[in-house]
Amino acid sequence: MSAYALLLLENTYLPGILAVRKALSDTNAQFPVVLLYSAKNVNKDTIALFTASELFSDLIDIDDNLLVSNSPHTLESVLSRPDLAYTLSKINLWRLVEYSKLVYLDADTLPLQNLDHLFAQNFDALQVMAAPDCGWPDLFNSGFMVLQPNMTVFQELMDLYASTESFDGADQGLLNHYFNPDLYHGGTSRWLRLPFIYNCTLNSHYEYFPAMQRYFHDIKLFHFIGDKKPWDPNYGEQLRRDPSLFKVADNKNVYELWHEVYESIEMDRQSQHEVRQTTEVLEPEHVEAVETAVETAVEPQPEPPVVHHQYYYKEPESEPEKYEENRGEAWKLNESRGPNKWEDSSESEEEEEDAGELDTRELARSLSQLDVETPQDDYAAKHPIFPWEKSPARQKPTRSFSARTALPSTLTKIPFTAAFDNGAELENYIASREQTERPETLQEIEQDEQLDEQESQELEKLAP
């Protein structure tokens, strides 16, 4: 035997349950409807009315296995839906092995067309049929599912619930974890994808209205996700009459469609308003208990440490020092004005003096031997590569910072090779210039060697 299945965990979802049940009748559903409920969270008068009216073929109390969120910090801080604290109790669907197949519907859904044909679909007991979620289409939305009850699957889901936190804190995260194992990393998915028209989730942030208009007559079921439900006294009437909402049929938005179904409900000659007045009695302490169920039923988890990534703005610890133009920038540095850090502080004063005094005359003499303008610079200036450098119309420089030494007459006829001569011409030019302008005598070589030796000795003294 197969059946439709609904879940009522608290009295605030009673209007939704009544609307779903009426919509199934309006679409000529031929299969029985069962209701799973929590006796301790649902008003007793509600259950008594359901029993007397025979709206459901079976009423199943699941208080013996009522599951609260196993990831309360995610449910509250990330998903921001503490009202979904008990939705993991949906796992109980898989233990109803007296039914061969179940078509499950959340209380905030609205069937628009007959769904009986789904019971004829063949699939494995380890699989589930569902439509993609609009927020992350590679995952399925667990508000509408076709499943086969199976005790092996039920026990594995219970083991997963006990060992692994749901990544969204509610049922959808855990069920996707089970039926979509190791998503994106080679896992084998056991999710059989239904078209989106079987679970058309409304998203207040984005909705592809052209597609909704184009395929409206194909939509099987609407799903009012989020915390703004059609029956909410704070939002329901406003959304129903909001002129900015997209009209899907007969100049009505989807909230008006829901209210049409809801207002047509009659049970034992009572309208839906009379039913709510006689059954929906929510004590304040009960509401508070539902909202804090996550905190009291599960040991609170420590908050994860806050990580400030490099792209996060971090408030400076102190005020930056004001720039003073006449002082420059170096004065801000907090470097020591004492001896160099690599010097040994245990040296005697005499050694420090010797180490701090360099032969400035020899250093100046060495620097004086260096050309301000290198042969490479001189060669590049007289052998342009780019066309605009050879153009006669090129503007000549009006300022000169150093005098150029004229090339020897023997080198003025060096041909322009315009690029890739392997440096042969440049090397010849440099060698000729060194031989012509700076011949090095044996005496100069000996002086250079003596100077190098003296500098080596000075550096050895400075070594720690």
Protein backbone atom coordinates (compact mmCIF):
# COMPACT_ATOMS: atom_id res chain seq x y z
CA MET A 1 0.00 0.00 0.00
CA SER A 2 1.22 3.53 -0.83
CA ALA A 3 0.22 6.88 0.70
CA TYR A 4 0.80 10.59 0.84
CA ALA A 5 2.57 11.67 4.05
CA LEU A 6 2.44 15.00 5.94
CA LEU A 7 4.29 16.14 9.06
CA LEU A 8 2.91 18.41 11.82
CA LEU A 9 5.45 19.24 14.53
CA GLU A 10 3.73 22.26 16.08
CA ASN A 11 0.37 23.96 15.94
CA THR A 12 1.53 27.01 14.00
CA TYR A 13 1.73 24.87 10.85
CA LEU A 14 -1.88 23.68 11.18
CA PRO A 15 -3.19 26.03 8.41
CA GLY A 16 -0.59 24.64 6.05
CA ILE A 17 -1.55 21.03 6.82
CA LEU A 18 -5.21 21.81 6.24
CA ALA A 19 -4.45 23.54 2.91
CA VAL A 20 -2.29 20.65 1.65
CA ARG A 21 -4.94 18.11 2.58
CA LYS A 22 -7.64 20.15 0.81
CA ALA A 23 -5.45 20.61 -2.27
CA LEU A 24 -4.88 16.85 -2.51
CA SER A 25 -8.65 16.34 -2.49
CA ASP A 26 -9.13 19.10 -5.09
CA THR A 27 -6.65 17.38 -7.41
CA ASN A 28 -8.52 14.02 -7.04
CA ALA A 29 -5.71 12.18 -5.24
CA GLN A 30 -6.71 8.50 -5.02
CA PHE A 31 -4.23 7.41 -2.37
CA PRO A 32 -4.68 7.68 1.41
CA VAL A 33 -3.05 10.50 3.39
CA VAL A 34 -1.19 9.82 6.65
CA LEU A 35 -0.09 12.42 9.20
CA LEU A 36 2.99 12.19 11.39
CA TYR A 37 2.73 14.50 14.40
CA SER A 38 4.24 15.37 17.78
CA ALA A 39 1.66 14.88 20.52
CA LYS A 40 3.55 17.03 23.00
CA ASN A 41 3.87 20.00 20.64
CA VAL A 42 0.48 19.92 18.88
CA ASN A 43 -2.73 20.99 20.60
CA LYS A 44 -4.79 18.00 21.78
CA ASP A 45 -7.98 19.50 20.34
CA THR A 46 -6.33 19.51 16.93
CA ILE A 47 -5.62 15.79 17.06
CA ALA A 48 -9.13 15.10 18.38
CA LEU A 49 -10.62 17.02 15.46
CA PHE A 50 -8.44 15.14 12.96
CA THR A 51 -9.52 11.85 14.49
CA ALA A 52 -13.21 12.73 14.34
CA SER A 53 -13.12 14.15 10.81
CA GLU A 54 -11.20 11.22 9.29
CA LEU A 55 -9.18 13.59 7.17
CA PHE A 56 -6.25 11.22 7.50
CA SER A 57 -6.19 7.48 7.11
CA ASP A 58 -3.58 7.18 9.85
CA LEU A 59 -2.33 9.46 12.61
CA ILE A 60 1.20 8.51 13.74
CA ASP A 61 2.67 9.93 16.94
CA ILE A 62 6.48 10.20 16.59
CA ASP A 63 7.26 11.55 20.06
CA ASP A 64 9.20 8.34 20.76
CA ASN A 65 11.73 9.44 18.13
CA LEU A 66 11.42 13.21 17.99
CA LEU A 67 14.75 14.47 16.65
CA VAL A 68 16.07 17.93 17.43
CA SER A 69 18.77 19.65 15.37
CA ASN A 70 22.23 18.16 15.87
CA SER A 71 23.86 21.38 14.63
CA PRO A 72 22.10 24.21 16.51
CA HIS A 73 24.82 26.80 15.90
CA THR A 74 24.46 26.31 12.12
CA LEU A 75 20.68 26.36 12.26
CA GLU A 76 20.63 29.64 14.15
CA SER A 77 23.74 31.49 12.96
CA VAL A 78 24.08 30.33 9.35
CA LEU A 79 20.62 29.27 8.17
CA SER A 80 18.85 31.68 10.56
CA ARG A 81 15.86 29.35 10.90
CA PRO A 82 15.51 28.24 14.55
CA ASP A 83 11.89 27.31 13.74
CA LEU A 84 13.25 24.23 11.90
CA ALA A 85 14.60 22.72 15.12
CA TYR A 86 12.59 19.47 14.84
CA THR A 87 12.56 18.90 11.06
CA LEU A 88 15.15 16.12 11.33
CA SER A 89 12.24 14.06 12.67
CA LYS A 90 11.43 13.59 8.98
CA ILE A 91 13.78 10.59 9.17
CA ASN A 92 10.85 8.69 10.72
CA LEU A 93 9.32 8.39 7.23
CA TRP A 94 11.74 5.59 6.40
CA ARG A 95 10.57 3.41 9.29
CA LEU A 96 6.95 3.28 8.07
CA VAL A 97 7.63 -0.06 6.36
CA GLU A 98 3.91 -0.91 6.27
CA TYR A 99 3.80 1.42 3.24
CA SER A 100 5.54 0.44 0.03
CA LYS A 101 5.90 4.02 -1.19
CA LEU A 102 5.36 7.47 0.29
CA VAL A 103 4.97 10.83 -1.41
CA TYR A 104 5.96 13.33 1.26
CA LEU A 105 4.80 17.00 1.23
CA ASP A 106 5.85 19.78 3.59
CA ALA A 107 3.07 21.76 5.28
CA ASP A 108 4.03 24.89 3.31
CA THR A 109 3.46 23.31 -0.11
CA LEU A 110 0.43 23.61 -2.40
CA PRO A 111 -0.29 20.84 -4.94
CA LEU A 112 -1.83 22.21 -8.14
CA GLN A 113 -2.11 18.97 -10.13
CA ASN A 114 -2.66 15.30 -9.44
CA LEU A 115 0.50 13.51 -8.27
CA ASP A 116 -0.71 9.91 -8.19
CA HIS A 117 1.48 8.91 -11.16
CA LEU A 118 4.57 9.19 -8.95
CA PHE A 119 3.59 6.03 -7.07
CA ALA A 120 4.11 4.06 -10.29
CA GLN A 121 7.78 5.08 -10.56
CA ASN A 122 10.24 2.23 -10.06
CA PHE A 123 13.40 2.89 -8.08
CA ASP A 124 15.59 1.26 -5.46
CA ALA A 125 14.83 1.50 -1.74
CA LEU A 126 18.22 3.16 -1.25
CA GLN A 127 17.24 6.00 -3.58
CA VAL A 128 15.02 9.05 -3.24
CA MET A 129 13.12 11.08 -5.85
CA ALA A 130 13.08 14.86 -5.39
CA ALA A 131 13.38 18.14 -7.28
CA PRO A 132 16.45 20.43 -7.16
CA ASP A 133 16.65 23.25 -4.67
CA CYS A 134 16.51 26.74 -6.19
CA GLY A 135 19.32 27.95 -3.93
CA TRP A 136 21.77 25.15 -4.83
CA PRO A 137 20.42 23.01 -7.69
CA ASP A 138 23.02 20.26 -7.21
CA LEU A 139 21.17 19.43 -3.98
CA PHE A 140 17.56 18.37 -3.70
CA ASN A 141 14.87 20.17 -1.75
CA SER A 142 13.51 17.87 0.94
CA GLY A 143 10.09 19.57 1.10
CA PHE A 144 8.76 17.14 -1.51
CA MET A 145 10.07 13.59 -1.85
CA VAL A 146 9.10 10.18 -3.17
CA LEU A 147 10.65 7.40 -1.08
CA GLN A 148 10.41 3.75 -0.12
CA PRO A 149 10.37 3.09 3.65
CA ASN A 150 13.23 0.79 4.58
CA MET A 151 14.64 -0.10 7.99
CA THR A 152 18.22 -0.30 6.71
CA VAL A 153 18.02 3.23 5.36
CA PHE A 154 16.28 4.37 8.56
CA GLN A 155 19.03 2.94 10.76
CA GLU A 156 21.79 4.40 8.58
CA LEU A 157 20.12 7.80 8.73
CA MET A 158 19.87 7.53 12.51
CA ASP A 159 23.56 6.58 12.73
CA LEU A 160 24.45 9.56 10.52
CA TYR A 161 22.31 11.82 12.71
CA ALA A 162 24.18 10.60 15.80
CA SER A 163 27.68 10.93 14.30
CA THR A 164 27.58 13.82 11.81
CA GLU A 165 26.21 17.33 12.09
CA SER A 166 23.76 18.39 9.41
CA PHE A 167 25.53 21.02 7.33
CA ASP A 168 22.46 23.30 7.39
CA GLY A 169 21.28 22.28 10.84
CA ALA A 170 18.00 20.85 9.48
CA ASP A 171 16.78 17.78 7.59
CA GLN A 172 17.75 18.89 4.07
CA GLY A 173 21.45 19.02 4.90
CA LEU A 174 21.54 15.55 6.46
CA LEU A 175 19.40 13.89 3.77
CA ASN A 176 21.56 15.32 1.01
CA HIS A 177 24.64 14.16 2.90
CA TYR A 178 23.23 10.62 2.88
CA PHE A 179 21.79 10.42 -0.66
CA ASN A 180 24.51 12.62 -2.27
CA PRO A 181 27.65 11.21 -0.62
CA ASP A 182 30.92 13.06 -1.29
CA LEU A 183 29.32 15.48 -3.69
CA TYR A 184 31.78 16.89 -6.30
CA HIS A 185 34.45 14.36 -5.29
CA GLY A 186 33.49 11.18 -7.10
CA GLY A 187 30.66 10.04 -4.84
CA THR A 188 27.76 8.04 -6.23
CA SER A 189 24.49 9.94 -5.90
CA ARG A 190 21.31 8.04 -5.05
CA TRP A 191 19.09 11.03 -5.77
CA LEU A 192 16.70 10.62 -8.71
CA ARG A 193 16.08 14.12 -10.00
CA LEU A 194 12.50 15.25 -10.59
CA PRO A 195 11.80 18.32 -12.76
CA PHE A 196 11.59 21.64 -10.95
CA ILE A 197 7.86 21.83 -11.70
CA TYR A 198 7.32 19.18 -8.99
CA ASN A 199 8.67 21.51 -6.31
CA CYS A 200 8.55 25.10 -7.56
CA THR A 201 10.18 26.91 -4.66
CA LEU A 202 9.47 30.60 -4.41
CA ASN A 203 12.50 32.71 -3.62
CA SER A 204 12.00 36.27 -2.41
CA HIS A 205 15.49 37.27 -3.60
CA TYR A 206 15.27 35.95 -7.14
CA GLU A 207 12.68 34.25 -9.29
CA TYR A 208 12.82 33.59 -13.01
CA PHE A 209 9.38 35.05 -13.75
CA PRO A 210 9.51 34.54 -17.54
CA ALA A 211 9.86 30.80 -16.98
CA MET A 212 7.10 30.80 -14.37
CA GLN A 213 4.81 32.53 -16.84
CA ARG A 214 5.83 30.22 -19.68
CA TYR A 215 5.46 26.97 -17.71
CA PHE A 216 2.80 27.89 -15.16
CA HIS A 217 0.28 25.36 -16.52
CA ASP A 218 2.91 22.62 -16.09
CA ILE A 219 3.70 23.36 -12.44
CA LYS A 220 2.65 20.46 -10.22
CA LEU A 221 3.34 22.02 -6.82
CA PHE A 222 4.27 25.35 -5.25
CA HIS A 223 6.50 25.52 -2.19
CA PHE A 224 6.42 28.61 0.07
CA ILE A 225 9.97 28.39 1.44
CA GLY A 226 11.39 30.82 3.96
CA ASP A 227 9.87 32.21 7.13
CA LYS A 228 7.03 34.19 5.46
CA LYS A 229 4.16 31.73 5.18
CA PRO A 230 0.82 32.46 3.46
CA TRP A 231 -1.06 32.04 6.74
CA ASP A 232 1.24 34.27 8.80
CA PRO A 233 -0.90 37.07 10.26
CA ASN A 234 2.01 39.50 9.90
CA TYR A 235 2.70 38.80 6.22
CA GLY A 236 -0.03 36.63 4.73
CA GLU A 237 -2.63 39.28 3.98
CA GLN A 238 0.01 41.75 2.82
CA LEU A 239 1.52 39.24 0.37
CA ARG A 240 -1.91 38.19 -0.81
CA ARG A 241 -2.77 41.74 -1.85
CA ASP A 242 0.69 42.93 -2.90
CA PRO A 243 0.23 44.41 -6.43
CA SER A 244 3.95 44.09 -7.18
CA LEU A 245 3.95 40.29 -6.97
CA PHE A 246 3.92 38.41 -10.24
CA LYS A 247 0.49 37.17 -11.39
CA VAL A 248 0.59 33.52 -12.33
CA ALA A 249 -3.04 32.72 -13.20
CA ASP A 250 -6.32 34.62 -13.57
CA ASN A 251 -4.56 37.79 -12.45
CA LYS A 252 -3.71 36.21 -9.07
CA ASN A 253 -0.41 35.67 -7.35
CA VAL A 254 0.50 32.37 -5.69
CA TYR A 255 -0.50 33.60 -2.22
CA GLU A 256 -4.00 34.31 -3.48
CA LEU A 257 -4.12 30.78 -4.89
CA TRP A 258 -3.19 29.38 -1.49
CA HIS A 259 -5.89 31.45 0.27
CA GLU A 260 -8.50 30.28 -2.21
CA VAL A 261 -7.76 26.69 -1.25
CA TYR A 262 -7.55 27.44 2.46
CA GLU A 263 -10.82 29.37 2.58
CA SER A 264 -12.67 26.52 0.88
CA ILE A 265 -11.91 24.11 3.74
CA GLU A 266 -14.81 22.68 5.74
CA MET A 267 -14.57 20.00 8.40
CA ASP A 268 -17.67 18.75 10.14
CA ARG A 269 -19.58 21.82 8.86
CA GLN A 270 -16.91 24.12 10.28
CA SER A 271 -14.97 26.62 8.19
CA GLN A 272 -11.20 26.83 8.42
CA HIS A 273 -11.50 29.93 10.63
CA GLU A 274 -13.70 28.09 13.13
CA VAL A 275 -11.29 25.16 13.09
CA ARG A 276 -8.39 27.44 13.93
CA GLN A 277 -10.32 29.14 16.72
CA THR A 278 -11.19 25.85 18.36
CA THR A 279 -7.84 24.10 17.88
CA GLU A 280 -5.03 26.60 17.58
CA VAL A 281 -4.47 27.60 21.18
CA LEU A 282 -0.77 28.40 21.56
CA GLU A 283 0.31 29.16 25.08
CA PRO A 284 3.18 31.72 25.31
CA GLU A 285 5.34 29.29 27.23
CA HIS A 286 4.87 26.70 24.46
CA VAL A 287 6.01 29.14 21.80
CA GLU A 288 9.04 30.02 23.88
CA ALA A 289 9.81 26.34 24.41
CA VAL A 290 9.73 25.67 20.68
CA GLU A 291 12.07 28.58 19.95
CA THR A 292 14.58 27.49 22.60
CA ALA A 293 14.34 23.75 21.90
CA VAL A 294 17.67 23.73 20.14
CA GLU A 295 19.47 25.20 23.12
CA THR A 296 17.92 22.96 25.76
CA ALA A 297 17.77 19.62 23.95
CA VAL A 298 21.33 19.55 22.66
CA GLU A 299 24.54 20.48 24.42
CA PRO A 300 25.57 23.85 22.96
CA GLN A 301 28.52 23.77 20.62
CA PRO A 302 31.40 26.24 21.04
CA GLU A 303 31.40 29.08 18.60
CA PRO A 304 34.08 28.67 15.94
CA PRO A 305 36.94 31.17 16.14
CA VAL A 306 36.64 34.23 13.98
CA VAL A 307 39.24 34.26 11.21
CA HIS A 308 40.14 37.64 9.76
CA HIS A 309 41.16 36.99 6.18
CA GLN A 310 43.43 39.38 4.37
CA TYR A 311 40.58 40.99 2.50
CA TYR A 312 38.65 41.86 5.66
CA TYR A 313 38.99 45.43 6.94
CA LYS A 314 40.65 45.56 10.32
CA GLU A 315 40.45 48.69 12.41
CA PRO A 316 43.96 50.04 13.13
CA GLU A 317 45.15 49.66 16.70
CA SER A 318 46.46 53.24 16.89
CA GLU A 319 46.18 56.57 15.13
CA PRO A 320 48.77 57.02 12.36
CA GLU A 321 51.34 59.73 13.05
CA LYS A 322 50.74 62.96 11.19
CA TYR A 323 53.05 63.60 8.27
CA GLU A 324 55.39 66.55 8.72
CA GLU A 325 56.80 67.77 5.43
CA ASN A 326 59.90 69.41 6.90
CA ARG A 327 60.99 66.25 8.71
CA GLY A 328 60.75 63.72 5.92
CA GLU A 329 59.79 60.09 6.50
CA ALA A 330 62.83 58.43 8.11
CA TRP A 331 62.13 59.98 11.52
CA LYS A 332 59.10 57.67 11.92
CA LEU A 333 61.24 54.54 11.88
CA ASN A 334 61.81 52.94 15.25
CA GLU A 335 65.24 51.64 14.39
CA SER A 336 68.02 51.85 16.94
CA ARG A 337 70.52 54.68 16.49
CA GLY A 338 73.27 52.63 18.18
CA PRO A 339 75.81 50.23 16.68
CA ASN A 340 74.82 47.87 13.90
CA LYS A 341 72.85 44.88 15.10
CA TRP A 342 75.40 42.42 13.80
CA GLU A 343 78.19 43.91 15.86
CA ASP A 344 79.29 42.18 19.06
CA SER A 345 78.46 44.41 22.00
CA SER A 346 81.27 42.80 24.03
CA GLU A 347 84.01 44.37 21.89
CA SER A 348 86.30 46.84 23.55
CA GLU A 349 86.03 50.54 22.83
CA GLU A 350 89.25 50.42 20.85
CA GLU A 351 87.95 47.59 18.67
CA GLU A 352 84.70 49.47 18.11
CA GLU A 353 86.62 52.54 16.97
CA ASP A 354 88.74 50.45 14.61
CA ALA A 355 85.66 48.70 13.24
CA GLY A 356 83.74 51.95 12.79
CA GLU A 357 86.57 53.80 11.00
CA LEU A 358 87.12 52.95 7.33
CA ASP A 359 89.85 54.21 5.14
CA THR A 360 87.74 56.91 3.50
CA ARG A 361 90.60 58.05 1.31
CA GLU A 362 91.02 54.61 -0.22
CA LEU A 363 87.26 54.29 -0.60
CA ALA A 364 87.06 57.68 -2.33
CA ARG A 365 89.95 56.71 -4.59
CA SER A 366 88.18 53.49 -5.55
CA LEU A 367 84.95 55.29 -6.30
CA SER A 368 86.75 57.90 -8.38
CA GLN A 369 87.93 55.17 -10.69
CA LEU A 370 84.36 54.20 -11.55
CA ASP A 371 82.84 55.72 -14.67
CA VAL A 372 79.70 57.70 -14.15
CA GLU A 373 78.67 56.68 -17.63
CA THR A 374 79.37 53.07 -18.58
CA PRO A 375 80.54 51.98 -22.02
CA GLN A 376 77.24 50.14 -22.45
CA ASP A 377 75.30 53.38 -21.96
CA ASP A 378 77.53 55.21 -24.45
CA TYR A 379 77.18 52.48 -27.04
CA ALA A 380 73.37 52.35 -26.67
CA ALA A 381 73.11 56.12 -27.09
CA LYS A 382 74.99 56.02 -30.39
CA HIS A 383 73.25 52.93 -31.78
CA PRO A 384 69.44 53.46 -31.58
CA ILE A 385 67.12 50.47 -32.07
CA PHE A 386 63.62 51.92 -32.29
CA PRO A 387 62.52 53.90 -35.37
CA TRP A 388 61.55 57.02 -33.43
CA GLU A 389 65.06 57.21 -31.97
CA LYS A 390 66.49 57.57 -35.52
CA SER A 391 63.89 60.08 -36.72
CA PRO A 392 65.39 63.45 -37.73
CA ALA A 393 62.26 65.16 -36.31
CA ARG A 394 62.91 63.75 -32.84
CA GLN A 395 63.10 66.50 -30.22
CA LYS A 396 66.62 66.92 -28.89
CA PRO A 397 67.20 67.05 -25.11
CA THR A 398 67.58 70.55 -23.73
CA ARG A 399 69.39 69.54 -20.56
CA SER A 400 72.57 67.54 -20.06
CA PHE A 401 73.57 65.99 -16.78
CA SER A 402 77.03 64.71 -17.72
CA ALA A 403 79.60 65.31 -20.42
CA ARG A 404 80.03 62.55 -22.96
CA THR A 405 83.42 61.42 -24.04
CA ALA A 406 83.76 61.37 -27.84
CA LEU A 407 84.33 57.99 -29.41
CA PRO A 408 87.78 57.25 -30.77
CA SER A 409 88.01 57.91 -34.48
CA THR A 410 88.68 54.26 -35.10
CA LEU A 411 85.23 53.33 -33.67
CA THR A 412 83.03 55.98 -35.26
CA LYS A 413 82.40 53.83 -38.29
CA ILE A 414 80.93 50.86 -36.38
CA PRO A 415 77.95 49.70 -38.48
CA PHE A 416 74.45 49.78 -36.94
CA THR A 417 73.30 46.20 -36.46
CA ALA A 418 69.79 47.12 -35.06
CA ALA A 419 69.42 44.37 -32.64
CA PHE A 420 70.47 40.80 -32.49
CA ASP A 421 74.26 40.81 -33.18
CA ASN A 422 74.89 38.55 -30.16
CA GLY A 423 76.66 41.49 -28.50
CA ALA A 424 79.72 41.16 -30.74
CA GLU A 425 79.77 44.80 -31.79
CA LEU A 426 79.19 45.99 -28.23
CA GLU A 427 81.97 43.79 -26.85
CA ASN A 428 84.38 45.01 -29.50
CA TYR A 429 83.45 48.59 -28.72
CA ILE A 430 84.00 48.15 -24.98
CA ALA A 431 87.33 46.34 -25.48
CA SER A 432 88.58 49.03 -27.83
CA ARG A 433 87.53 51.80 -25.50
CA GLU A 434 89.25 50.19 -22.51
CA GLN A 435 92.47 49.70 -24.49
CA THR A 436 92.37 53.24 -25.92
CA GLU A 437 91.22 55.30 -22.96
CA ARG A 438 92.14 53.30 -19.86
CA PRO A 439 95.27 51.19 -20.35
CA GLU A 440 96.11 49.32 -17.18
CA THR A 441 99.78 49.24 -16.26
CA LEU A 442 101.54 46.72 -14.06
CA GLN A 443 101.86 49.36 -11.34
CA GLU A 444 98.07 49.94 -11.35
CA ILE A 445 97.44 46.22 -11.12
CA GLU A 446 99.72 45.94 -8.07
CA GLN A 447 98.01 48.92 -6.45
CA ASP A 448 94.60 47.31 -7.01
CA GLU A 449 95.79 44.07 -5.44
CA GLN A 450 97.14 45.90 -2.40
CA LEU A 451 93.89 47.78 -2.04
CA ASP A 452 91.87 44.56 -2.24
CA GLU A 453 94.06 42.94 0.41
CA GLN A 454 93.67 45.93 2.72
CA GLU A 455 89.89 45.91 2.31
CA SER A 456 89.84 42.16 3.10
CA GLN A 457 91.76 42.75 6.31
CA GLU A 458 89.33 45.50 7.35
CA LEU A 459 86.34 43.23 6.71
CA GLU A 460 87.90 40.42 8.79
CA LYS A 461 88.15 42.83 11.71
CA LEU A 462 84.48 43.67 11.37
CA ALA A 463 83.42 40.01 11.28
CA PRO A 464 81.77 38.83 14.55
